[in-house]
Amino acid sequence: MRPTQLVAFDAYTLQPLRQAAIGADAVEVLGADSAGRIVVARRHGVTVHRPDTLAVEGAYEHHAPLGDALLLGEHDSVVLRGPVTAGDGLTVVRWS
């Protein structure tokens, strides 16, 4: 099941506090980086969302469709791999 929106819940009541659509090309919510920003893998890249508003703070567009994405949250980076058939190797995307 592909994600369609981000939702922030209250820690005690689990009531939704904020929500935002993340687009039809979202593949997976990877997790949070060291500043609590939410990282989303897309078919052709990655977006980083602000935790307070869920708005996109930054984006990276990859040159080919993604095969896999691995978040290294404590390092504010993602390791991307293209499809196995492309043989592109790995790409590391880092932000601050």
C-alpha atoms as a PDB file:
ATOM      1  CA  MET A   1       0.000   0.000   0.000  1.00  0.00           C
ATOM      2  CA  ARG A   2       1.495   3.337  -1.035  1.00  0.00           C
ATOM      3  CA  PRO A   3       1.240   6.321   1.322  1.00  0.00           C
ATOM      4  CA  THR A   4      -1.025   9.160   0.204  1.00  0.00           C
ATOM      5  CA  GLN A   5      -0.699  11.609   3.087  1.00  0.00           C
ATOM      6  CA  LEU A   6       1.326  12.438   6.184  1.00  0.00           C
ATOM      7  CA  VAL A   7      -0.543  12.745   9.464  1.00  0.00           C
ATOM      8  CA  ALA A   8       0.856  14.016  12.779  1.00  0.00           C
ATOM      9  CA  PHE A   9      -0.962  12.640  15.834  1.00  0.00           C
ATOM     10  CA  ASP A  10      -1.128  13.892  19.416  1.00  0.00           C
ATOM     11  CA  ALA A  11       1.087  11.612  21.522  1.00  0.00           C
ATOM     12  CA  TYR A  12      -1.505  11.164  24.284  1.00  0.00           C
ATOM     13  CA  THR A  13      -4.896  11.199  22.564  1.00  0.00           C
ATOM     14  CA  LEU A  14      -3.811   9.978  19.097  1.00  0.00           C
ATOM     15  CA  GLN A  15      -6.039  12.645  17.586  1.00  0.00           C
ATOM     16  CA  PRO A  16      -4.806  13.991  14.233  1.00  0.00           C
ATOM     17  CA  LEU A  17      -3.090  17.364  14.637  1.00  0.00           C
ATOM     18  CA  ARG A  18      -1.920  18.048  11.057  1.00  0.00           C
ATOM     19  CA  GLN A  19      -2.120  16.305   7.740  1.00  0.00           C
ATOM     20  CA  ALA A  20      -0.804  16.916   4.258  1.00  0.00           C
ATOM     21  CA  ALA A  21      -1.079  15.111   0.935  1.00  0.00           C
ATOM     22  CA  ILE A  22       2.234  13.739  -0.291  1.00  0.00           C
ATOM     23  CA  GLY A  23       1.364  12.950  -3.914  1.00  0.00           C
ATOM     24  CA  ALA A  24       0.666   9.889  -5.993  1.00  0.00           C
ATOM     25  CA  ASP A  25       4.349   9.146  -6.645  1.00  0.00           C
ATOM     26  CA  ALA A  26       5.209   8.545  -2.970  1.00  0.00           C
ATOM     27  CA  VAL A  27       6.543   5.043  -2.366  1.00  0.00           C
ATOM     28  CA  GLU A  28       7.499   4.893   1.313  1.00  0.00           C
ATOM     29  CA  VAL A  29       7.795   7.074   4.402  1.00  0.00           C
ATOM     30  CA  LEU A  30      11.408   6.318   5.353  1.00  0.00           C
ATOM     31  CA  GLY A  31      11.402   7.935   8.800  1.00  0.00           C
ATOM     32  CA  ALA A  32      12.792  11.032  10.494  1.00  0.00           C
ATOM     33  CA  ASP A  33      16.193  12.693  10.264  1.00  0.00           C
ATOM     34  CA  SER A  34      18.211  14.117  13.168  1.00  0.00           C
ATOM     35  CA  ALA A  35      16.030  17.259  13.302  1.00  0.00           C
ATOM     36  CA  GLY A  36      12.748  15.333  13.220  1.00  0.00           C
ATOM     37  CA  ARG A  37      12.042  16.123   9.554  1.00  0.00           C
ATOM     38  CA  ILE A  38      10.069  13.406   7.769  1.00  0.00           C
ATOM     39  CA  VAL A  39      11.743  11.780   4.767  1.00  0.00           C
ATOM     40  CA  VAL A  40       9.621  10.295   1.975  1.00  0.00           C
ATOM     41  CA  ALA A  41      10.919   8.143  -0.902  1.00  0.00           C
ATOM     42  CA  ARG A  42       9.260   8.827  -4.242  1.00  0.00           C
ATOM     43  CA  ARG A  43       9.439   6.964  -7.553  1.00  0.00           C
ATOM     44  CA  HIS A  44      12.139   9.337  -8.824  1.00  0.00           C
ATOM     45  CA  GLY A  45      13.546  10.962  -5.700  1.00  0.00           C
ATOM     46  CA  VAL A  46      13.171  11.972  -2.076  1.00  0.00           C
ATOM     47  CA  THR A  47      11.343  14.768  -0.244  1.00  0.00           C
ATOM     48  CA  VAL A  48      12.044  16.112   3.250  1.00  0.00           C
ATOM     49  CA  HIS A  49       9.056  17.517   5.170  1.00  0.00           C
ATOM     50  CA  ARG A  50       9.013  19.937   8.100  1.00  0.00           C
ATOM     51  CA  PRO A  51       7.666  18.253  11.256  1.00  0.00           C
ATOM     52  CA  ASP A  52       5.660  21.304  12.383  1.00  0.00           C
ATOM     53  CA  THR A  53       3.750  21.963   9.132  1.00  0.00           C
ATOM     54  CA  LEU A  54       4.437  18.808   7.057  1.00  0.00           C
ATOM     55  CA  ALA A  55       5.338  21.131   4.162  1.00  0.00           C
ATOM     56  CA  VAL A  56       8.131  20.098   1.798  1.00  0.00           C
ATOM     57  CA  GLU A  57      11.402  21.652   2.951  1.00  0.00           C
ATOM     58  CA  GLY A  58      13.634  20.075   0.329  1.00  0.00           C
ATOM     59  CA  ALA A  59      13.596  17.633  -2.559  1.00  0.00           C
ATOM     60  CA  TYR A  60      16.002  15.593  -4.660  1.00  0.00           C
ATOM     61  CA  GLU A  61      15.103  14.277  -8.130  1.00  0.00           C
ATOM     62  CA  HIS A  62      17.045  11.184  -9.185  1.00  0.00           C
ATOM     63  CA  HIS A  63      18.053  10.665 -12.834  1.00  0.00           C
ATOM     64  CA  ALA A  64      16.289   7.272 -12.976  1.00  0.00           C
ATOM     65  CA  PRO A  65      13.494   5.474 -11.140  1.00  0.00           C
ATOM     66  CA  LEU A  66      14.519   4.320  -7.676  1.00  0.00           C
ATOM     67  CA  GLY A  67      14.983   0.675  -6.808  1.00  0.00           C
ATOM     68  CA  ASP A  68      15.617   1.159  -3.072  1.00  0.00           C
ATOM     69  CA  ALA A  69      16.132   3.936  -0.545  1.00  0.00           C
ATOM     70  CA  LEU A  70      17.738   3.685   2.895  1.00  0.00           C
ATOM     71  CA  LEU A  71      17.506   6.521   5.417  1.00  0.00           C
ATOM     72  CA  LEU A  72      20.498   7.251   7.652  1.00  0.00           C
ATOM     73  CA  GLY A  73      18.550   9.623   9.876  1.00  0.00           C
ATOM     74  CA  GLU A  74      21.317  10.433  12.349  1.00  0.00           C
ATOM     75  CA  HIS A  75      23.467  11.562   9.391  1.00  0.00           C
ATOM     76  CA  ASP A  76      20.708  13.471   7.550  1.00  0.00           C
ATOM     77  CA  SER A  77      21.226  11.399   4.438  1.00  0.00           C
ATOM     78  CA  VAL A  78      19.645   8.781   2.198  1.00  0.00           C
ATOM     79  CA  VAL A  79      21.363   6.086   0.152  1.00  0.00           C
ATOM     80  CA  LEU A  80      19.565   5.510  -3.168  1.00  0.00           C
ATOM     81  CA  ARG A  81      19.876   2.664  -5.618  1.00  0.00           C
ATOM     82  CA  GLY A  82      18.424   2.604  -9.089  1.00  0.00           C
ATOM     83  CA  PRO A  83      16.620  -0.454 -10.448  1.00  0.00           C
ATOM     84  CA  VAL A  84      18.761  -3.595 -10.547  1.00  0.00           C
ATOM     85  CA  THR A  85      18.438  -3.680 -14.342  1.00  0.00           C
ATOM     86  CA  ALA A  86      19.958  -0.191 -14.654  1.00  0.00           C
ATOM     87  CA  GLY A  87      23.187  -1.080 -12.829  1.00  0.00           C
ATOM     88  CA  ASP A  88      23.634   2.553 -11.714  1.00  0.00           C
ATOM     89  CA  GLY A  89      25.323   1.843  -8.391  1.00  0.00           C
ATOM     90  CA  LEU A  90      24.554   3.898  -5.296  1.00  0.00           C
ATOM     91  CA  THR A  91      23.820   7.603  -4.796  1.00  0.00           C
ATOM     92  CA  VAL A  92      24.142   9.318  -1.416  1.00  0.00           C
ATOM     93  CA  VAL A  93      22.003  12.417  -0.812  1.00  0.00           C
ATOM     94  CA  ARG A  94      22.842  14.539   2.243  1.00  0.00           C
ATOM     95  CA  TRP A  95      21.209  17.677   3.661  1.00  0.00           C
ATOM     96  CA  SER A  96      21.592  19.929   6.685  1.00  0.00           C
END
